[in-house]
Protein backbone atom coordinates (compact mmCIF):
# COMPACT_ATOMS: atom_id res chain seq x y z
CA MET A 1 54.44 201.84 50.08
CA ARG A 2 57.46 202.76 51.53
CA SER A 3 57.14 200.61 54.39
CA VAL A 4 56.19 197.57 52.38
CA LEU A 5 59.54 198.16 50.62
CA ARG A 6 61.24 198.06 54.16
CA GLY A 7 60.00 195.01 54.81
CA ARG A 8 61.09 193.39 51.74
CA PHE A 9 64.47 194.38 51.32
CA PRO A 10 65.99 192.18 53.67
CA VAL A 11 64.43 189.10 51.97
CA ALA A 12 65.42 190.68 47.74
CA VAL A 13 69.01 191.10 48.73
CA LEU A 14 69.43 187.94 50.74
CA ALA A 15 68.10 185.86 47.24
CA LEU A 16 70.18 188.39 45.09
CA ALA A 17 73.09 187.45 47.32
CA SER A 18 72.39 183.83 47.33
CA MET A 19 71.64 184.14 43.35
CA ALA A 20 75.44 185.60 42.76
CA ALA A 21 77.04 182.81 45.11
CA SER A 22 75.49 180.16 42.88
CA CYS A 23 76.74 181.64 39.89
CA SER A 24 80.77 182.00 41.41
CA ASN A 25 80.31 178.48 42.17
CA ALA A 26 79.72 177.43 38.50
CA ARG A 27 82.39 179.78 37.06
CA ASP A 28 85.17 177.75 39.89
CA PRO A 29 86.99 174.61 38.88
CA ALA A 30 85.38 171.68 41.28
CA ALA A 31 89.11 171.02 41.36
CA HIS A 32 89.34 174.10 43.65
CA ALA A 33 86.30 172.86 46.03
CA ALA A 34 87.60 172.11 49.74
CA PRO A 35 87.40 168.36 50.88
CA SER A 36 85.08 167.41 53.84
CA PRO A 37 84.96 164.06 55.26
CA SER A 38 82.19 163.40 53.76
CA ASN A 39 83.30 164.21 50.10
CA PRO A 40 86.41 163.12 50.00
CA PRO A 41 88.83 163.83 46.79
CA ALA A 42 88.44 160.96 44.02
CA ARG A 43 92.10 159.77 43.95
CA ALA A 44 93.37 158.94 40.30
CA PRO A 45 93.37 154.95 39.42
CA ALA A 46 95.80 152.56 40.19
CA THR A 47 98.23 151.83 37.80
CA VAL A 48 99.15 148.43 36.47
CA ASP A 49 102.62 147.13 36.59
CA ALA A 50 102.47 145.51 32.70
CA GLY A 51 105.90 143.23 34.00
CA ALA A 52 104.40 141.59 37.10
CA GLY A 53 100.95 141.34 34.96
CA ASP A 54 103.26 139.44 32.44
CA ALA A 55 104.88 137.67 35.34
CA SER A 56 101.73 136.14 37.28
CA THR A 57 100.48 134.80 34.17
CA ALA A 58 103.66 133.06 33.50
CA LEU A 59 103.60 131.44 36.87
CA ALA A 60 99.88 130.59 36.61
CA ALA A 61 100.53 128.85 33.13
CA ILE A 62 103.44 127.03 34.50
CA ASP A 63 101.27 126.00 37.97
CA ALA A 64 98.33 124.64 35.45
CA SER A 65 100.81 122.60 33.47
CA ALA A 66 102.36 121.35 36.91
CA ALA A 67 98.93 120.50 37.85
CA ALA A 68 97.75 118.75 34.41
CA ASP A 69 101.37 116.80 34.17
CA ALA A 70 100.30 115.81 38.05
CA ALA A 71 96.82 114.61 37.09
CA THR A 72 98.54 112.42 34.15
CA ALA A 73 100.68 110.67 36.52
CA ALA A 74 98.09 109.70 38.67
CA GLY A 75 96.14 108.61 36.06
CA THR A 76 98.72 106.46 35.40
CA SER A 77 99.27 103.20 36.45
CA TYR A 78 102.59 101.53 38.00
CA ALA A 79 101.78 98.39 35.09
CA GLU A 80 101.22 101.04 32.09
CA ALA A 81 104.33 102.67 33.01
CA LEU A 82 106.16 99.84 33.91
CA ARG A 83 105.69 98.25 30.70
CA SER A 84 105.96 101.35 28.56
CA ALA A 85 108.99 102.46 29.91
CA ASP A 86 107.80 105.85 31.04
CA TRP A 87 109.68 106.44 34.16
CA ALA A 88 108.78 110.36 33.79
CA ARG A 89 104.95 108.84 34.65
CA TRP A 90 105.94 106.47 37.24
CA PRO A 91 103.28 106.88 40.27
CA GLY A 92 104.67 104.41 42.95
CA LEU A 93 104.93 100.35 43.07
CA PRO A 94 101.75 99.66 45.49
CA ALA A 95 102.89 99.54 49.11
CA ASN A 96 101.21 95.85 49.28
CA LEU A 97 101.75 94.50 45.95
CA HIS A 98 101.69 90.86 45.73
CA GLU A 99 104.00 88.58 43.31
CA ALA A 100 100.50 86.89 41.46
CA GLU A 101 99.28 90.42 40.81
CA LEU A 102 102.35 91.90 39.25
CA VAL A 103 102.76 89.00 37.07
CA ARG A 104 99.08 89.24 35.94
CA GLU A 105 99.21 92.74 35.44
CA LEU A 106 102.46 92.26 34.03
CA GLY A 107 101.55 89.26 31.92
CA ILE A 108 105.02 87.67 32.33
CA GLY A 109 103.52 84.20 33.65
CA LYS A 110 105.26 82.39 30.89
CA THR A 111 108.22 83.75 31.30
CA LYS A 112 111.43 81.74 33.35
CA ALA A 113 111.65 82.55 36.55
CA THR A 114 114.75 81.75 39.21
CA ARG A 115 114.22 82.23 42.30
CA GLY A 116 116.75 82.54 45.39
CA SER A 117 116.99 83.44 49.08
CA GLY A 118 119.22 86.62 49.70
CA ARG A 119 119.16 89.92 52.05
CA LEU A 120 117.81 93.13 51.42
CA SER A 121 119.27 96.01 53.92
CA ARG A 122 118.49 93.90 57.17
CA HIS A 123 115.77 91.78 56.09
CA ASP A 124 115.86 88.04 54.41
CA VAL A 125 114.06 88.12 51.00
CA VAL A 126 113.41 85.91 47.83
CA ILE A 127 115.51 87.15 44.55
CA VAL A 128 113.09 86.19 41.74
CA GLU A 129 115.04 86.91 38.45
CA ARG A 130 113.36 87.44 35.13
CA PRO A 131 114.37 88.38 31.58
CA GLY A 132 115.17 91.77 31.76
CA LEU A 133 113.41 92.05 35.47
CA ARG A 134 113.99 91.35 38.56
CA TYR A 135 112.19 91.60 42.12
CA TRP A 136 111.75 91.18 45.65
CA LEU A 137 109.60 89.36 47.96
CA ARG A 138 109.19 90.52 51.47
CA ASP A 139 106.68 87.97 53.92
CA ARG A 140 106.95 85.33 51.15
CA ASN A 141 104.96 87.30 48.21
CA ARG A 142 105.29 90.96 48.89
CA VAL A 143 106.74 92.72 46.34
CA VAL A 144 108.90 95.34 47.79
CA LEU A 145 111.37 96.64 44.86
CA VAL A 146 111.39 96.07 41.31
CA GLU A 147 114.74 96.23 39.09
CA VAL A 148 114.72 96.55 35.37
CA THR A 149 117.04 95.72 33.47
CA GLY A 150 115.70 95.12 29.91
CA GLN A 151 113.37 97.49 28.05
CA LEU A 152 114.35 101.10 29.71
CA GLY A 153 112.93 103.30 26.72
CA THR A 154 115.00 105.25 24.13
CA LYS A 155 114.75 108.54 26.41
CA ALA A 156 118.26 110.17 27.21
CA PRO A 157 118.85 110.11 31.13
CA ALA A 158 119.84 114.04 31.16
CA ALA A 159 116.52 114.34 29.39
CA LEU A 160 114.92 112.12 31.53
CA ARG A 161 116.48 113.57 34.92
CA ALA A 162 115.01 116.74 33.80
CA GLU A 163 111.46 115.38 34.02
CA LEU A 164 111.82 113.82 37.03
CA GLY A 165 113.61 116.92 39.03
CA THR A 166 116.36 117.30 41.92
CA ALA A 167 117.94 113.97 42.78
CA GLU A 168 117.18 113.24 46.85
CA ARG A 169 120.53 111.71 46.36
CA GLU A 170 123.43 110.86 44.20
CA GLY A 171 126.39 108.57 44.59
CA ALA A 172 127.88 105.86 42.84
CA GLY A 173 126.13 103.22 41.24
CA ARG A 174 125.10 99.73 43.17
CA PHE A 175 124.35 98.97 40.24
CA LEU A 176 127.67 97.63 37.99
CA GLN A 177 128.25 97.60 34.39
CA ALA A 178 131.62 96.23 32.71
CA GLY A 179 133.73 98.76 30.62
CA ALA A 180 131.88 101.84 31.94
CA THR A 181 131.24 103.42 35.98
CA THR A 182 127.62 104.43 37.12
CA THR A 183 125.68 107.08 39.02
CA GLU A 184 122.58 106.20 41.44
CA TYR A 185 120.24 109.27 40.97
CA VAL A 186 117.83 108.52 44.23
CA TYR A 187 114.01 109.70 43.85
CA ALA A 188 112.41 108.25 47.25
CA GLY A 189 109.83 110.58 47.32
CA ARG A 190 108.56 109.20 43.95
CA GLY A 191 109.87 105.68 44.24
CA ILE A 192 112.29 105.55 41.78
CA ALA A 193 116.46 105.12 41.71
CA LEU A 194 117.36 105.58 37.98
CA THR A 195 121.29 103.89 37.76
CA VAL A 196 123.15 105.89 34.62
CA ALA A 197 126.03 103.99 33.09
CA GLU A 198 128.72 106.42 31.45
CA SER A 199 131.81 105.44 29.62
CA TYR A 200 135.26 105.13 30.79
CA ASP A 201 137.23 105.75 27.24
CA HIS A 202 138.59 109.20 26.63
CA PRO A 203 136.70 110.46 23.89
CA PRO A 204 133.94 107.88 25.48
CA THR A 205 133.05 105.46 23.20
CA PHE A 206 129.06 105.95 23.63
CA ALA A 207 126.83 108.25 25.40
CA PRO A 208 125.35 108.11 28.81
CA ARG A 209 122.85 105.59 29.17
CA LEU A 210 120.58 104.24 31.32
CA ALA A 211 121.63 100.62 32.69
CA ALA A 212 119.17 100.11 35.67
CA VAL A 213 115.74 101.82 37.10
CA GLN A 214 114.39 100.46 40.53
CA LEU A 215 111.02 100.77 41.28
CA PHE A 216 109.49 101.30 44.96
CA ALA A 217 107.06 102.48 46.90
CA PRO A 218 107.32 106.44 47.35
CA GLY A 219 108.99 107.34 50.62
CA ASP A 220 111.81 108.82 52.34
CA LEU A 221 115.71 107.89 51.68
CA ARG A 222 115.72 106.68 55.25
CA THR A 223 113.20 104.24 54.50
CA PHE A 224 114.74 103.59 50.87
CA ASP A 225 118.26 102.79 52.97
CA LEU A 226 116.98 100.45 55.46
CA GLU A 227 114.33 98.94 53.77
CA LEU A 228 115.33 98.48 50.56
CA GLY A 229 118.85 98.55 50.48
CA GLY A 230 119.82 101.48 49.61
CA ARG A 231 123.07 102.04 51.38
CA ASP A 232 123.93 97.92 50.49
CA ARG A 233 127.15 97.07 48.58
CA ALA A 234 127.24 97.16 44.80
CA GLY A 235 125.73 94.28 43.19
CA PRO A 236 127.26 92.13 40.35
CA SER A 237 128.37 93.28 36.95
CA ARG A 238 126.25 92.96 34.02
């Protein structure tokens, strides 16, 4: 019997020691276990900056609004914008627009037209005058510039300029108007230039108003100056 117990005793002792270690491990908090490369300690979830989230949401909303406005502008034809005097949606004059197309799409074929030779920057042009509208032709019948002085819409210049954004150039108006000082705001990249008239008098006798809108194909200031008379001398007063 003693020989049997002597042979099994080490096994029994090992079993009891293993059970004791298991109980001890069960009682110890998991946080006390030493981390190992195969079992790294759990990390607390990252905190979220609520302010940053709000800012991202706001920026996304602004971007979506700008994209919607751009899509709406892209869906507006030059003739629709011109007929409705919706200058904030102006998509630019087509680069290869001919007079017959302009007359047809605006429905101005029956209006009286006066033609005369003239200059636009360094180029010879034909200037066509119609009621509240004139346009410049190059190569006999290609419309390169349209100036509106009649139906200009009812939107205040300040509101319109806010919608168009920062002008690429602001300077003395080339289009003059009796009893007022004029300022020209050029948006070459959008193909539009606004002339705003303001009263000479103090206090002013009228609120600032649009005096003229020039429309052309989108480009840059250099093209506007060299090809479309952006640096030409002021025209006649109206």
